[in-house]
Structure formats: structure tokens, C-alpha cells
Amino acid sequence: LDGAFDALRSMPGGVFVLVAIGIGF
């Protein structure tokens, strides 16, 4: 999961997806 989160953060708009997934957890 940590690698997936890092990959998301590096993508355009990925920060918003990452925060949304964090809220999901």
C-alpha cells in the first residue's frame, strides 16, 4: 500500500485521490 500511495502522490491530481483513499480507510 505504501508504494501505491507514493505512486498516487506523484501523479497529476493523485494527491486528491490519495487523501480520498485515506478518508476511506
PDBML (XML) file of the C-alpha atoms, coordinates in Angstrom:
<?xml version="1.0" encoding="UTF-8" ?>
<PDBx:datablock datablockName="MODEL"
   xmlns:PDBx="http://pdbml.pdb.org/schema/pdbx-v50.xsd"
   xmlns:xsi="http://www.w3.org/2001/XMLSchema-instance"
   xsi:schemaLocation="http://pdbml.pdb.org/schema/pdbx-v50.xsd pdbx-v50.xsd">
   <PDBx:atom_siteCategory>
      <PDBx:atom_site id="1">
         <PDBx:B_iso_or_equiv>0.00</PDBx:B_iso_or_equiv>
         <PDBx:Cartn_x>0.000</PDBx:Cartn_x>
         <PDBx:Cartn_y>0.000</PDBx:Cartn_y>
         <PDBx:Cartn_z>0.000</PDBx:Cartn_z>
         <PDBx:auth_asym_id>A</PDBx:auth_asym_id>
         <PDBx:auth_atom_id>CA</PDBx:auth_atom_id>
         <PDBx:auth_comp_id>LEU</PDBx:auth_comp_id>
         <PDBx:auth_seq_id>1</PDBx:auth_seq_id>
         <PDBx:group_PDB>ATOM</PDBx:group_PDB>
         <PDBx:label_alt_id xsi:nil="true" />
         <PDBx:label_asym_id>A</PDBx:label_asym_id>
         <PDBx:label_atom_id>CA</PDBx:label_atom_id>
         <PDBx:label_comp_id>LEU</PDBx:label_comp_id>
         <PDBx:label_entity_id>1</PDBx:label_entity_id>
         <PDBx:label_seq_id>1</PDBx:label_seq_id>
         <PDBx:occupancy>1.00</PDBx:occupancy>
         <PDBx:pdbx_PDB_model_num>1</PDBx:pdbx_PDB_model_num>
         <PDBx:type_symbol>C</PDBx:type_symbol>
      </PDBx:atom_site>
      <PDBx:atom_site id="2">
         <PDBx:B_iso_or_equiv>0.00</PDBx:B_iso_or_equiv>
         <PDBx:Cartn_x>2.804</PDBx:Cartn_x>
         <PDBx:Cartn_y>2.442</PDBx:Cartn_y>
         <PDBx:Cartn_z>0.792</PDBx:Cartn_z>
         <PDBx:auth_asym_id>A</PDBx:auth_asym_id>
         <PDBx:auth_atom_id>CA</PDBx:auth_atom_id>
         <PDBx:auth_comp_id>ASP</PDBx:auth_comp_id>
         <PDBx:auth_seq_id>2</PDBx:auth_seq_id>
         <PDBx:group_PDB>ATOM</PDBx:group_PDB>
         <PDBx:label_alt_id xsi:nil="true" />
         <PDBx:label_asym_id>A</PDBx:label_asym_id>
         <PDBx:label_atom_id>CA</PDBx:label_atom_id>
         <PDBx:label_comp_id>ASP</PDBx:label_comp_id>
         <PDBx:label_entity_id>1</PDBx:label_entity_id>
         <PDBx:label_seq_id>2</PDBx:label_seq_id>
         <PDBx:occupancy>1.00</PDBx:occupancy>
         <PDBx:pdbx_PDB_model_num>1</PDBx:pdbx_PDB_model_num>
         <PDBx:type_symbol>C</PDBx:type_symbol>
      </PDBx:atom_site>
      <PDBx:atom_site id="3">
         <PDBx:B_iso_or_equiv>0.00</PDBx:B_iso_or_equiv>
         <PDBx:Cartn_x>4.186</PDBx:Cartn_x>
         <PDBx:Cartn_y>2.087</PDBx:Cartn_y>
         <PDBx:Cartn_z>-2.739</PDBx:Cartn_z>
         <PDBx:auth_asym_id>A</PDBx:auth_asym_id>
         <PDBx:auth_atom_id>CA</PDBx:auth_atom_id>
         <PDBx:auth_comp_id>GLY</PDBx:auth_comp_id>
         <PDBx:auth_seq_id>3</PDBx:auth_seq_id>
         <PDBx:group_PDB>ATOM</PDBx:group_PDB>
         <PDBx:label_alt_id xsi:nil="true" />
         <PDBx:label_asym_id>A</PDBx:label_asym_id>
         <PDBx:label_atom_id>CA</PDBx:label_atom_id>
         <PDBx:label_comp_id>GLY</PDBx:label_comp_id>
         <PDBx:label_entity_id>1</PDBx:label_entity_id>
         <PDBx:label_seq_id>3</PDBx:label_seq_id>
         <PDBx:occupancy>1.00</PDBx:occupancy>
         <PDBx:pdbx_PDB_model_num>1</PDBx:pdbx_PDB_model_num>
         <PDBx:type_symbol>C</PDBx:type_symbol>
      </PDBx:atom_site>
      <PDBx:atom_site id="4">
         <PDBx:B_iso_or_equiv>0.00</PDBx:B_iso_or_equiv>
         <PDBx:Cartn_x>0.709</PDBx:Cartn_x>
         <PDBx:Cartn_y>2.567</PDBx:Cartn_y>
         <PDBx:Cartn_z>-4.175</PDBx:Cartn_z>
         <PDBx:auth_asym_id>A</PDBx:auth_asym_id>
         <PDBx:auth_atom_id>CA</PDBx:auth_atom_id>
         <PDBx:auth_comp_id>ALA</PDBx:auth_comp_id>
         <PDBx:auth_seq_id>4</PDBx:auth_seq_id>
         <PDBx:group_PDB>ATOM</PDBx:group_PDB>
         <PDBx:label_alt_id xsi:nil="true" />
         <PDBx:label_asym_id>A</PDBx:label_asym_id>
         <PDBx:label_atom_id>CA</PDBx:label_atom_id>
         <PDBx:label_comp_id>ALA</PDBx:label_comp_id>
         <PDBx:label_entity_id>1</PDBx:label_entity_id>
         <PDBx:label_seq_id>4</PDBx:label_seq_id>
         <PDBx:occupancy>1.00</PDBx:occupancy>
         <PDBx:pdbx_PDB_model_num>1</PDBx:pdbx_PDB_model_num>
         <PDBx:type_symbol>C</PDBx:type_symbol>
      </PDBx:atom_site>
      <PDBx:atom_site id="5">
         <PDBx:B_iso_or_equiv>0.00</PDBx:B_iso_or_equiv>
         <PDBx:Cartn_x>0.277</PDBx:Cartn_x>
         <PDBx:Cartn_y>5.720</PDBx:Cartn_y>
         <PDBx:Cartn_z>-2.094</PDBx:Cartn_z>
         <PDBx:auth_asym_id>A</PDBx:auth_asym_id>
         <PDBx:auth_atom_id>CA</PDBx:auth_atom_id>
         <PDBx:auth_comp_id>PHE</PDBx:auth_comp_id>
         <PDBx:auth_seq_id>5</PDBx:auth_seq_id>
         <PDBx:group_PDB>ATOM</PDBx:group_PDB>
         <PDBx:label_alt_id xsi:nil="true" />
         <PDBx:label_asym_id>A</PDBx:label_asym_id>
         <PDBx:label_atom_id>CA</PDBx:label_atom_id>
         <PDBx:label_comp_id>PHE</PDBx:label_comp_id>
         <PDBx:label_entity_id>1</PDBx:label_entity_id>
         <PDBx:label_seq_id>5</PDBx:label_seq_id>
         <PDBx:occupancy>1.00</PDBx:occupancy>
         <PDBx:pdbx_PDB_model_num>1</PDBx:pdbx_PDB_model_num>
         <PDBx:type_symbol>C</PDBx:type_symbol>
      </PDBx:atom_site>
      <PDBx:atom_site id="6">
         <PDBx:B_iso_or_equiv>0.00</PDBx:B_iso_or_equiv>
         <PDBx:Cartn_x>3.642</PDBx:Cartn_x>
         <PDBx:Cartn_y>7.088</PDBx:Cartn_y>
         <PDBx:Cartn_z>-3.245</PDBx:Cartn_z>
         <PDBx:auth_asym_id>A</PDBx:auth_asym_id>
         <PDBx:auth_atom_id>CA</PDBx:auth_atom_id>
         <PDBx:auth_comp_id>ASP</PDBx:auth_comp_id>
         <PDBx:auth_seq_id>6</PDBx:auth_seq_id>
         <PDBx:group_PDB>ATOM</PDBx:group_PDB>
         <PDBx:label_alt_id xsi:nil="true" />
         <PDBx:label_asym_id>A</PDBx:label_asym_id>
         <PDBx:label_atom_id>CA</PDBx:label_atom_id>
         <PDBx:label_comp_id>ASP</PDBx:label_comp_id>
         <PDBx:label_entity_id>1</PDBx:label_entity_id>
         <PDBx:label_seq_id>6</PDBx:label_seq_id>
         <PDBx:occupancy>1.00</PDBx:occupancy>
         <PDBx:pdbx_PDB_model_num>1</PDBx:pdbx_PDB_model_num>
         <PDBx:type_symbol>C</PDBx:type_symbol>
      </PDBx:atom_site>
      <PDBx:atom_site id="7">
         <PDBx:B_iso_or_equiv>0.00</PDBx:B_iso_or_equiv>
         <PDBx:Cartn_x>2.729</PDBx:Cartn_x>
         <PDBx:Cartn_y>6.319</PDBx:Cartn_y>
         <PDBx:Cartn_z>-6.860</PDBx:Cartn_z>
         <PDBx:auth_asym_id>A</PDBx:auth_asym_id>
         <PDBx:auth_atom_id>CA</PDBx:auth_atom_id>
         <PDBx:auth_comp_id>ALA</PDBx:auth_comp_id>
         <PDBx:auth_seq_id>7</PDBx:auth_seq_id>
         <PDBx:group_PDB>ATOM</PDBx:group_PDB>
         <PDBx:label_alt_id xsi:nil="true" />
         <PDBx:label_asym_id>A</PDBx:label_asym_id>
         <PDBx:label_atom_id>CA</PDBx:label_atom_id>
         <PDBx:label_comp_id>ALA</PDBx:label_comp_id>
         <PDBx:label_entity_id>1</PDBx:label_entity_id>
         <PDBx:label_seq_id>7</PDBx:label_seq_id>
         <PDBx:occupancy>1.00</PDBx:occupancy>
         <PDBx:pdbx_PDB_model_num>1</PDBx:pdbx_PDB_model_num>
         <PDBx:type_symbol>C</PDBx:type_symbol>
      </PDBx:atom_site>
      <PDBx:atom_site id="8">
         <PDBx:B_iso_or_equiv>0.00</PDBx:B_iso_or_equiv>
         <PDBx:Cartn_x>-0.572</PDBx:Cartn_x>
         <PDBx:Cartn_y>8.152</PDBx:Cartn_y>
         <PDBx:Cartn_z>-6.469</PDBx:Cartn_z>
         <PDBx:auth_asym_id>A</PDBx:auth_asym_id>
         <PDBx:auth_atom_id>CA</PDBx:auth_atom_id>
         <PDBx:auth_comp_id>LEU</PDBx:auth_comp_id>
         <PDBx:auth_seq_id>8</PDBx:auth_seq_id>
         <PDBx:group_PDB>ATOM</PDBx:group_PDB>
         <PDBx:label_alt_id xsi:nil="true" />
         <PDBx:label_asym_id>A</PDBx:label_asym_id>
         <PDBx:label_atom_id>CA</PDBx:label_atom_id>
         <PDBx:label_comp_id>LEU</PDBx:label_comp_id>
         <PDBx:label_entity_id>1</PDBx:label_entity_id>
         <PDBx:label_seq_id>8</PDBx:label_seq_id>
         <PDBx:occupancy>1.00</PDBx:occupancy>
         <PDBx:pdbx_PDB_model_num>1</PDBx:pdbx_PDB_model_num>
         <PDBx:type_symbol>C</PDBx:type_symbol>
      </PDBx:atom_site>
      <PDBx:atom_site id="9">
         <PDBx:B_iso_or_equiv>0.00</PDBx:B_iso_or_equiv>
         <PDBx:Cartn_x>1.061</PDBx:Cartn_x>
         <PDBx:Cartn_y>11.206</PDBx:Cartn_y>
         <PDBx:Cartn_z>-4.923</PDBx:Cartn_z>
         <PDBx:auth_asym_id>A</PDBx:auth_asym_id>
         <PDBx:auth_atom_id>CA</PDBx:auth_atom_id>
         <PDBx:auth_comp_id>ARG</PDBx:auth_comp_id>
         <PDBx:auth_seq_id>9</PDBx:auth_seq_id>
         <PDBx:group_PDB>ATOM</PDBx:group_PDB>
         <PDBx:label_alt_id xsi:nil="true" />
         <PDBx:label_asym_id>A</PDBx:label_asym_id>
         <PDBx:label_atom_id>CA</PDBx:label_atom_id>
         <PDBx:label_comp_id>ARG</PDBx:label_comp_id>
         <PDBx:label_entity_id>1</PDBx:label_entity_id>
         <PDBx:label_seq_id>9</PDBx:label_seq_id>
         <PDBx:occupancy>1.00</PDBx:occupancy>
         <PDBx:pdbx_PDB_model_num>1</PDBx:pdbx_PDB_model_num>
         <PDBx:type_symbol>C</PDBx:type_symbol>
      </PDBx:atom_site>
      <PDBx:atom_site id="10">
         <PDBx:B_iso_or_equiv>0.00</PDBx:B_iso_or_equiv>
         <PDBx:Cartn_x>3.409</PDBx:Cartn_x>
         <PDBx:Cartn_y>11.551</PDBx:Cartn_y>
         <PDBx:Cartn_z>-7.888</PDBx:Cartn_z>
         <PDBx:auth_asym_id>A</PDBx:auth_asym_id>
         <PDBx:auth_atom_id>CA</PDBx:auth_atom_id>
         <PDBx:auth_comp_id>SER</PDBx:auth_comp_id>
         <PDBx:auth_seq_id>10</PDBx:auth_seq_id>
         <PDBx:group_PDB>ATOM</PDBx:group_PDB>
         <PDBx:label_alt_id xsi:nil="true" />
         <PDBx:label_asym_id>A</PDBx:label_asym_id>
         <PDBx:label_atom_id>CA</PDBx:label_atom_id>
         <PDBx:label_comp_id>SER</PDBx:label_comp_id>
         <PDBx:label_entity_id>1</PDBx:label_entity_id>
         <PDBx:label_seq_id>10</PDBx:label_seq_id>
         <PDBx:occupancy>1.00</PDBx:occupancy>
         <PDBx:pdbx_PDB_model_num>1</PDBx:pdbx_PDB_model_num>
         <PDBx:type_symbol>C</PDBx:type_symbol>
      </PDBx:atom_site>
      <PDBx:atom_site id="11">
         <PDBx:B_iso_or_equiv>0.00</PDBx:B_iso_or_equiv>
         <PDBx:Cartn_x>0.563</PDBx:Cartn_x>
         <PDBx:Cartn_y>11.581</PDBx:Cartn_y>
         <PDBx:Cartn_z>-10.435</PDBx:Cartn_z>
         <PDBx:auth_asym_id>A</PDBx:auth_asym_id>
         <PDBx:auth_atom_id>CA</PDBx:auth_atom_id>
         <PDBx:auth_comp_id>MET</PDBx:auth_comp_id>
         <PDBx:auth_seq_id>11</PDBx:auth_seq_id>
         <PDBx:group_PDB>ATOM</PDBx:group_PDB>
         <PDBx:label_alt_id xsi:nil="true" />
         <PDBx:label_asym_id>A</PDBx:label_asym_id>
         <PDBx:label_atom_id>CA</PDBx:label_atom_id>
         <PDBx:label_comp_id>MET</PDBx:label_comp_id>
         <PDBx:label_entity_id>1</PDBx:label_entity_id>
         <PDBx:label_seq_id>11</PDBx:label_seq_id>
         <PDBx:occupancy>1.00</PDBx:occupancy>
         <PDBx:pdbx_PDB_model_num>1</PDBx:pdbx_PDB_model_num>
         <PDBx:type_symbol>C</PDBx:type_symbol>
      </PDBx:atom_site>
      <PDBx:atom_site id="12">
         <PDBx:B_iso_or_equiv>0.00</PDBx:B_iso_or_equiv>
         <PDBx:Cartn_x>-1.314</PDBx:Cartn_x>
         <PDBx:Cartn_y>14.712</PDBx:Cartn_y>
         <PDBx:Cartn_z>-11.552</PDBx:Cartn_z>
         <PDBx:auth_asym_id>A</PDBx:auth_asym_id>
         <PDBx:auth_atom_id>CA</PDBx:auth_atom_id>
         <PDBx:auth_comp_id>PRO</PDBx:auth_comp_id>
         <PDBx:auth_seq_id>12</PDBx:auth_seq_id>
         <PDBx:group_PDB>ATOM</PDBx:group_PDB>
         <PDBx:label_alt_id xsi:nil="true" />
         <PDBx:label_asym_id>A</PDBx:label_asym_id>
         <PDBx:label_atom_id>CA</PDBx:label_atom_id>
         <PDBx:label_comp_id>PRO</PDBx:label_comp_id>
         <PDBx:label_entity_id>1</PDBx:label_entity_id>
         <PDBx:label_seq_id>12</PDBx:label_seq_id>
         <PDBx:occupancy>1.00</PDBx:occupancy>
         <PDBx:pdbx_PDB_model_num>1</PDBx:pdbx_PDB_model_num>
         <PDBx:type_symbol>C</PDBx:type_symbol>
      </PDBx:atom_site>
      <PDBx:atom_site id="13">
         <PDBx:B_iso_or_equiv>0.00</PDBx:B_iso_or_equiv>
         <PDBx:Cartn_x>-4.266</PDBx:Cartn_x>
         <PDBx:Cartn_y>15.064</PDBx:Cartn_y>
         <PDBx:Cartn_z>-9.220</PDBx:Cartn_z>
         <PDBx:auth_asym_id>A</PDBx:auth_asym_id>
         <PDBx:auth_atom_id>CA</PDBx:auth_atom_id>
         <PDBx:auth_comp_id>GLY</PDBx:auth_comp_id>
         <PDBx:auth_seq_id>13</PDBx:auth_seq_id>
         <PDBx:group_PDB>ATOM</PDBx:group_PDB>
         <PDBx:label_alt_id xsi:nil="true" />
         <PDBx:label_asym_id>A</PDBx:label_asym_id>
         <PDBx:label_atom_id>CA</PDBx:label_atom_id>
         <PDBx:label_comp_id>GLY</PDBx:label_comp_id>
         <PDBx:label_entity_id>1</PDBx:label_entity_id>
         <PDBx:label_seq_id>13</PDBx:label_seq_id>
         <PDBx:occupancy>1.00</PDBx:occupancy>
         <PDBx:pdbx_PDB_model_num>1</PDBx:pdbx_PDB_model_num>
         <PDBx:type_symbol>C</PDBx:type_symbol>
      </PDBx:atom_site>
      <PDBx:atom_site id="14">
         <PDBx:B_iso_or_equiv>0.00</PDBx:B_iso_or_equiv>
         <PDBx:Cartn_x>-3.118</PDBx:Cartn_x>
         <PDBx:Cartn_y>11.979</PDBx:Cartn_y>
         <PDBx:Cartn_z>-7.352</PDBx:Cartn_z>
         <PDBx:auth_asym_id>A</PDBx:auth_asym_id>
         <PDBx:auth_atom_id>CA</PDBx:auth_atom_id>
         <PDBx:auth_comp_id>GLY</PDBx:auth_comp_id>
         <PDBx:auth_seq_id>14</PDBx:auth_seq_id>
         <PDBx:group_PDB>ATOM</PDBx:group_PDB>
         <PDBx:label_alt_id xsi:nil="true" />
         <PDBx:label_asym_id>A</PDBx:label_asym_id>
         <PDBx:label_atom_id>CA</PDBx:label_atom_id>
         <PDBx:label_comp_id>GLY</PDBx:label_comp_id>
         <PDBx:label_entity_id>1</PDBx:label_entity_id>
         <PDBx:label_seq_id>14</PDBx:label_seq_id>
         <PDBx:occupancy>1.00</PDBx:occupancy>
         <PDBx:pdbx_PDB_model_num>1</PDBx:pdbx_PDB_model_num>
         <PDBx:type_symbol>C</PDBx:type_symbol>
      </PDBx:atom_site>
      <PDBx:atom_site id="15">
         <PDBx:B_iso_or_equiv>0.00</PDBx:B_iso_or_equiv>
         <PDBx:Cartn_x>-2.944</PDBx:Cartn_x>
         <PDBx:Cartn_y>13.857</PDBx:Cartn_y>
         <PDBx:Cartn_z>-4.056</PDBx:Cartn_z>
         <PDBx:auth_asym_id>A</PDBx:auth_asym_id>
         <PDBx:auth_atom_id>CA</PDBx:auth_atom_id>
         <PDBx:auth_comp_id>VAL</PDBx:auth_comp_id>
         <PDBx:auth_seq_id>15</PDBx:auth_seq_id>
         <PDBx:group_PDB>ATOM</PDBx:group_PDB>
         <PDBx:label_alt_id xsi:nil="true" />
         <PDBx:label_asym_id>A</PDBx:label_asym_id>
         <PDBx:label_atom_id>CA</PDBx:label_atom_id>
         <PDBx:label_comp_id>VAL</PDBx:label_comp_id>
         <PDBx:label_entity_id>1</PDBx:label_entity_id>
         <PDBx:label_seq_id>15</PDBx:label_seq_id>
         <PDBx:occupancy>1.00</PDBx:occupancy>
         <PDBx:pdbx_PDB_model_num>1</PDBx:pdbx_PDB_model_num>
         <PDBx:type_symbol>C</PDBx:type_symbol>
      </PDBx:atom_site>
      <PDBx:atom_site id="16">
         <PDBx:B_iso_or_equiv>0.00</PDBx:B_iso_or_equiv>
         <PDBx:Cartn_x>-6.718</PDBx:Cartn_x>
         <PDBx:Cartn_y>14.252</PDBx:Cartn_y>
         <PDBx:Cartn_z>-4.060</PDBx:Cartn_z>
         <PDBx:auth_asym_id>A</PDBx:auth_asym_id>
         <PDBx:auth_atom_id>CA</PDBx:auth_atom_id>
         <PDBx:auth_comp_id>PHE</PDBx:auth_comp_id>
         <PDBx:auth_seq_id>16</PDBx:auth_seq_id>
         <PDBx:group_PDB>ATOM</PDBx:group_PDB>
         <PDBx:label_alt_id xsi:nil="true" />
         <PDBx:label_asym_id>A</PDBx:label_asym_id>
         <PDBx:label_atom_id>CA</PDBx:label_atom_id>
         <PDBx:label_comp_id>PHE</PDBx:label_comp_id>
         <PDBx:label_entity_id>1</PDBx:label_entity_id>
         <PDBx:label_seq_id>16</PDBx:label_seq_id>
         <PDBx:occupancy>1.00</PDBx:occupancy>
         <PDBx:pdbx_PDB_model_num>1</PDBx:pdbx_PDB_model_num>
         <PDBx:type_symbol>C</PDBx:type_symbol>
      </PDBx:atom_site>
      <PDBx:atom_site id="17">
         <PDBx:B_iso_or_equiv>0.00</PDBx:B_iso_or_equiv>
         <PDBx:Cartn_x>-7.182</PDBx:Cartn_x>
         <PDBx:Cartn_y>10.543</PDBx:Cartn_y>
         <PDBx:Cartn_z>-4.762</PDBx:Cartn_z>
         <PDBx:auth_asym_id>A</PDBx:auth_asym_id>
         <PDBx:auth_atom_id>CA</PDBx:auth_atom_id>
         <PDBx:auth_comp_id>VAL</PDBx:auth_comp_id>
         <PDBx:auth_seq_id>17</PDBx:auth_seq_id>
         <PDBx:group_PDB>ATOM</PDBx:group_PDB>
         <PDBx:label_alt_id xsi:nil="true" />
         <PDBx:label_asym_id>A</PDBx:label_asym_id>
         <PDBx:label_atom_id>CA</PDBx:label_atom_id>
         <PDBx:label_comp_id>VAL</PDBx:label_comp_id>
         <PDBx:label_entity_id>1</PDBx:label_entity_id>
         <PDBx:label_seq_id>17</PDBx:label_seq_id>
         <PDBx:occupancy>1.00</PDBx:occupancy>
         <PDBx:pdbx_PDB_model_num>1</PDBx:pdbx_PDB_model_num>
         <PDBx:type_symbol>C</PDBx:type_symbol>
      </PDBx:atom_site>
      <PDBx:atom_site id="18">
         <PDBx:B_iso_or_equiv>0.00</PDBx:B_iso_or_equiv>
         <PDBx:Cartn_x>-4.685</PDBx:Cartn_x>
         <PDBx:Cartn_y>9.697</PDBx:Cartn_y>
         <PDBx:Cartn_z>-2.019</PDBx:Cartn_z>
         <PDBx:auth_asym_id>A</PDBx:auth_asym_id>
         <PDBx:auth_atom_id>CA</PDBx:auth_atom_id>
         <PDBx:auth_comp_id>LEU</PDBx:auth_comp_id>
         <PDBx:auth_seq_id>18</PDBx:auth_seq_id>
         <PDBx:group_PDB>ATOM</PDBx:group_PDB>
         <PDBx:label_alt_id xsi:nil="true" />
         <PDBx:label_asym_id>A</PDBx:label_asym_id>
         <PDBx:label_atom_id>CA</PDBx:label_atom_id>
         <PDBx:label_comp_id>LEU</PDBx:label_comp_id>
         <PDBx:label_entity_id>1</PDBx:label_entity_id>
         <PDBx:label_seq_id>18</PDBx:label_seq_id>
         <PDBx:occupancy>1.00</PDBx:occupancy>
         <PDBx:pdbx_PDB_model_num>1</PDBx:pdbx_PDB_model_num>
         <PDBx:type_symbol>C</PDBx:type_symbol>
      </PDBx:atom_site>
      <PDBx:atom_site id="19">
         <PDBx:B_iso_or_equiv>0.00</PDBx:B_iso_or_equiv>
         <PDBx:Cartn_x>-6.491</PDBx:Cartn_x>
         <PDBx:Cartn_y>11.850</PDBx:Cartn_y>
         <PDBx:Cartn_z>0.537</PDBx:Cartn_z>
         <PDBx:auth_asym_id>A</PDBx:auth_asym_id>
         <PDBx:auth_atom_id>CA</PDBx:auth_atom_id>
         <PDBx:auth_comp_id>VAL</PDBx:auth_comp_id>
         <PDBx:auth_seq_id>19</PDBx:auth_seq_id>
         <PDBx:group_PDB>ATOM</PDBx:group_PDB>
         <PDBx:label_alt_id xsi:nil="true" />
         <PDBx:label_asym_id>A</PDBx:label_asym_id>
         <PDBx:label_atom_id>CA</PDBx:label_atom_id>
         <PDBx:label_comp_id>VAL</PDBx:label_comp_id>
         <PDBx:label_entity_id>1</PDBx:label_entity_id>
         <PDBx:label_seq_id>19</PDBx:label_seq_id>
         <PDBx:occupancy>1.00</PDBx:occupancy>
         <PDBx:pdbx_PDB_model_num>1</PDBx:pdbx_PDB_model_num>
         <PDBx:type_symbol>C</PDBx:type_symbol>
      </PDBx:atom_site>
      <PDBx:atom_site id="20">
         <PDBx:B_iso_or_equiv>0.00</PDBx:B_iso_or_equiv>
         <PDBx:Cartn_x>-9.811</PDBx:Cartn_x>
         <PDBx:Cartn_y>10.331</PDBx:Cartn_y>
         <PDBx:Cartn_z>-0.543</PDBx:Cartn_z>
         <PDBx:auth_asym_id>A</PDBx:auth_asym_id>
         <PDBx:auth_atom_id>CA</PDBx:auth_atom_id>
         <PDBx:auth_comp_id>ALA</PDBx:auth_comp_id>
         <PDBx:auth_seq_id>20</PDBx:auth_seq_id>
         <PDBx:group_PDB>ATOM</PDBx:group_PDB>
         <PDBx:label_alt_id xsi:nil="true" />
         <PDBx:label_asym_id>A</PDBx:label_asym_id>
         <PDBx:label_atom_id>CA</PDBx:label_atom_id>
         <PDBx:label_comp_id>ALA</PDBx:label_comp_id>
         <PDBx:label_entity_id>1</PDBx:label_entity_id>
         <PDBx:label_seq_id>20</PDBx:label_seq_id>
         <PDBx:occupancy>1.00</PDBx:occupancy>
         <PDBx:pdbx_PDB_model_num>1</PDBx:pdbx_PDB_model_num>
         <PDBx:type_symbol>C</PDBx:type_symbol>
      </PDBx:atom_site>
      <PDBx:atom_site id="21">
         <PDBx:B_iso_or_equiv>0.00</PDBx:B_iso_or_equiv>
         <PDBx:Cartn_x>-8.398</PDBx:Cartn_x>
         <PDBx:Cartn_y>6.819</PDBx:Cartn_y>
         <PDBx:Cartn_z>-0.048</PDBx:Cartn_z>
         <PDBx:auth_asym_id>A</PDBx:auth_asym_id>
         <PDBx:auth_atom_id>CA</PDBx:auth_atom_id>
         <PDBx:auth_comp_id>ILE</PDBx:auth_comp_id>
         <PDBx:auth_seq_id>21</PDBx:auth_seq_id>
         <PDBx:group_PDB>ATOM</PDBx:group_PDB>
         <PDBx:label_alt_id xsi:nil="true" />
         <PDBx:label_asym_id>A</PDBx:label_asym_id>
         <PDBx:label_atom_id>CA</PDBx:label_atom_id>
         <PDBx:label_comp_id>ILE</PDBx:label_comp_id>
         <PDBx:label_entity_id>1</PDBx:label_entity_id>
         <PDBx:label_seq_id>21</PDBx:label_seq_id>
         <PDBx:occupancy>1.00</PDBx:occupancy>
         <PDBx:pdbx_PDB_model_num>1</PDBx:pdbx_PDB_model_num>
         <PDBx:type_symbol>C</PDBx:type_symbol>
      </PDBx:atom_site>
      <PDBx:atom_site id="22">
         <PDBx:B_iso_or_equiv>0.00</PDBx:B_iso_or_equiv>
         <PDBx:Cartn_x>-7.087</PDBx:Cartn_x>
         <PDBx:Cartn_y>7.882</PDBx:Cartn_y>
         <PDBx:Cartn_z>3.354</PDBx:Cartn_z>
         <PDBx:auth_asym_id>A</PDBx:auth_asym_id>
         <PDBx:auth_atom_id>CA</PDBx:auth_atom_id>
         <PDBx:auth_comp_id>GLY</PDBx:auth_comp_id>
         <PDBx:auth_seq_id>22</PDBx:auth_seq_id>
         <PDBx:group_PDB>ATOM</PDBx:group_PDB>
         <PDBx:label_alt_id xsi:nil="true" />
         <PDBx:label_asym_id>A</PDBx:label_asym_id>
         <PDBx:label_atom_id>CA</PDBx:label_atom_id>
         <PDBx:label_comp_id>GLY</PDBx:label_comp_id>
         <PDBx:label_entity_id>1</PDBx:label_entity_id>
         <PDBx:label_seq_id>22</PDBx:label_seq_id>
         <PDBx:occupancy>1.00</PDBx:occupancy>
         <PDBx:pdbx_PDB_model_num>1</PDBx:pdbx_PDB_model_num>
         <PDBx:type_symbol>C</PDBx:type_symbol>
      </PDBx:atom_site>
      <PDBx:atom_site id="23">
         <PDBx:B_iso_or_equiv>0.00</PDBx:B_iso_or_equiv>
         <PDBx:Cartn_x>-10.602</PDBx:Cartn_x>
         <PDBx:Cartn_y>9.011</PDBx:Cartn_y>
         <PDBx:Cartn_z>4.263</PDBx:Cartn_z>
         <PDBx:auth_asym_id>A</PDBx:auth_asym_id>
         <PDBx:auth_atom_id>CA</PDBx:auth_atom_id>
         <PDBx:auth_comp_id>ILE</PDBx:auth_comp_id>
         <PDBx:auth_seq_id>23</PDBx:auth_seq_id>
         <PDBx:group_PDB>ATOM</PDBx:group_PDB>
         <PDBx:label_alt_id xsi:nil="true" />
         <PDBx:label_asym_id>A</PDBx:label_asym_id>
         <PDBx:label_atom_id>CA</PDBx:label_atom_id>
         <PDBx:label_comp_id>ILE</PDBx:label_comp_id>
         <PDBx:label_entity_id>1</PDBx:label_entity_id>
         <PDBx:label_seq_id>23</PDBx:label_seq_id>
         <PDBx:occupancy>1.00</PDBx:occupancy>
         <PDBx:pdbx_PDB_model_num>1</PDBx:pdbx_PDB_model_num>
         <PDBx:type_symbol>C</PDBx:type_symbol>
      </PDBx:atom_site>
      <PDBx:atom_site id="24">
         <PDBx:B_iso_or_equiv>0.00</PDBx:B_iso_or_equiv>
         <PDBx:Cartn_x>-11.838</PDBx:Cartn_x>
         <PDBx:Cartn_y>5.646</PDBx:Cartn_y>
         <PDBx:Cartn_z>3.005</PDBx:Cartn_z>
         <PDBx:auth_asym_id>A</PDBx:auth_asym_id>
         <PDBx:auth_atom_id>CA</PDBx:auth_atom_id>
         <PDBx:auth_comp_id>GLY</PDBx:auth_comp_id>
         <PDBx:auth_seq_id>24</PDBx:auth_seq_id>
         <PDBx:group_PDB>ATOM</PDBx:group_PDB>
         <PDBx:label_alt_id xsi:nil="true" />
         <PDBx:label_asym_id>A</PDBx:label_asym_id>
         <PDBx:label_atom_id>CA</PDBx:label_atom_id>
         <PDBx:label_comp_id>GLY</PDBx:label_comp_id>
         <PDBx:label_entity_id>1</PDBx:label_entity_id>
         <PDBx:label_seq_id>24</PDBx:label_seq_id>
         <PDBx:occupancy>1.00</PDBx:occupancy>
         <PDBx:pdbx_PDB_model_num>1</PDBx:pdbx_PDB_model_num>
         <PDBx:type_symbol>C</PDBx:type_symbol>
      </PDBx:atom_site>
      <PDBx:atom_site id="25">
         <PDBx:B_iso_or_equiv>0.00</PDBx:B_iso_or_equiv>
         <PDBx:Cartn_x>-9.505</PDBx:Cartn_x>
         <PDBx:Cartn_y>3.803</PDBx:Cartn_y>
         <PDBx:Cartn_z>5.380</PDBx:Cartn_z>
         <PDBx:auth_asym_id>A</PDBx:auth_asym_id>
         <PDBx:auth_atom_id>CA</PDBx:auth_atom_id>
         <PDBx:auth_comp_id>PHE</PDBx:auth_comp_id>
         <PDBx:auth_seq_id>25</PDBx:auth_seq_id>
         <PDBx:group_PDB>ATOM</PDBx:group_PDB>
         <PDBx:label_alt_id xsi:nil="true" />
         <PDBx:label_asym_id>A</PDBx:label_asym_id>
         <PDBx:label_atom_id>CA</PDBx:label_atom_id>
         <PDBx:label_comp_id>PHE</PDBx:label_comp_id>
         <PDBx:label_entity_id>1</PDBx:label_entity_id>
         <PDBx:label_seq_id>25</PDBx:label_seq_id>
         <PDBx:occupancy>1.00</PDBx:occupancy>
         <PDBx:pdbx_PDB_model_num>1</PDBx:pdbx_PDB_model_num>
         <PDBx:type_symbol>C</PDBx:type_symbol>
      </PDBx:atom_site>
   </PDBx:atom_siteCategory>
</PDBx:datablock>
